[in-house]
Amino acid sequence: MYRLFTRSGLALALVASFAAGAAHASPALERGDALWARRAEGQVEAKAQPEPIGAAVEAYRAALRDEPERLEAHWKLQRALWFAGHFATRGPAAERALYEEAIAIGEDSLRVLADRVGGRDALAAARPETLGTKLAQPDRSDAAHFYFWHAVNLGAWARKAGLLAAVRAGVANRLHDATLRSIALDPAVEQGGAIRLLSRLHAELPRVPLLSGWVDPSRAVPLAEQVVAEYPRHPGNAYLLGLTLFERVPARRDEARALLERTATLEPRADHVVEDVSIRISAQEDLAKLRREAGRGAAQPPT
């Protein structure tokens, strides 16, 4: 997630990756994983074909029907719905409907989690840093993935609904809480995915008392630097830092340019083709903007 609300192209593309399923997966879950691995078939410039990911979505829906208490089925369906909406859907109404389905599934995921920690009140009262102590080890990883993908779909929905509507609907606080819980449970999910998300929340959201009072723009760059330091192999992390420096720190424009140039020529990973091509395109667009701004500055007469 880079630009949550301001871009209809790349908003969340850095986050998708394949996570291995737990042992004894149902046949439907195994089928969903196999189809998810084929999601890039036929893609053109980060636009995926709807059939491969549509088949994965159907398989994950079947897996969730087979095992409604299995958190792994919950988050993998939410991940697939996000990918379908963001990369393979034609039209904003259909895209938004997929995010809304994912969010609705997320509400049921919270029920499943609550059953594991003593009920809804206990789950709501659990601080992010102590939630893991209330969960069995296998559930911690699935919960971390769930909270991450729940936040991603909330952010995707908010991007379609509009920034102020999202803040007024309380989405900002829900996003923030889910992101903190994912980080506390397992910061390595999607190679720092929730840390990336937290950086963009602080970079983009307005600080509104009682609605998003936790927003602190000064944290955006340190979080972007942290995720690069801790997870240097994810191409989205270098892009995030370059973008955030470009937006917020004029004195580090040379560093921002170098990071964006590196990302603009990246070779997509074989199992993340759509996501990485989307990141590459966005870096190219940001470089073009940086050059235009530099050109306008050079054209200014001396004072």
Foldseek 3Di string as FASTA:
>chain_A
DFALADDLADDQLLQDFQDDDDPPQDPLQVVLSVLLLVQQVPDDLLATALVSLVSSLVSLVVSCVVPVLDLQSLLSNLSSLQSCLRRHDDDDVSSLVSLVVNLVSLVSSLQSLQVQQPHDVRVVPDALLCSLVSHDLVVLLSLLSSLLSSLVSLSNNCNSVDQVVCLVVLSLVSSVRSLSNSCNSPCCNSQNSSLLVLLNSLCDHDCDPPRRVVRHVVVNLVSLVVSCVRRVPRLVSLLSNLVSCCPPPVVCPVSSLVSLVPLLPDDDDSSSNSSSSSSNVVSVVVNVVVVVVVVVVVPDDDD
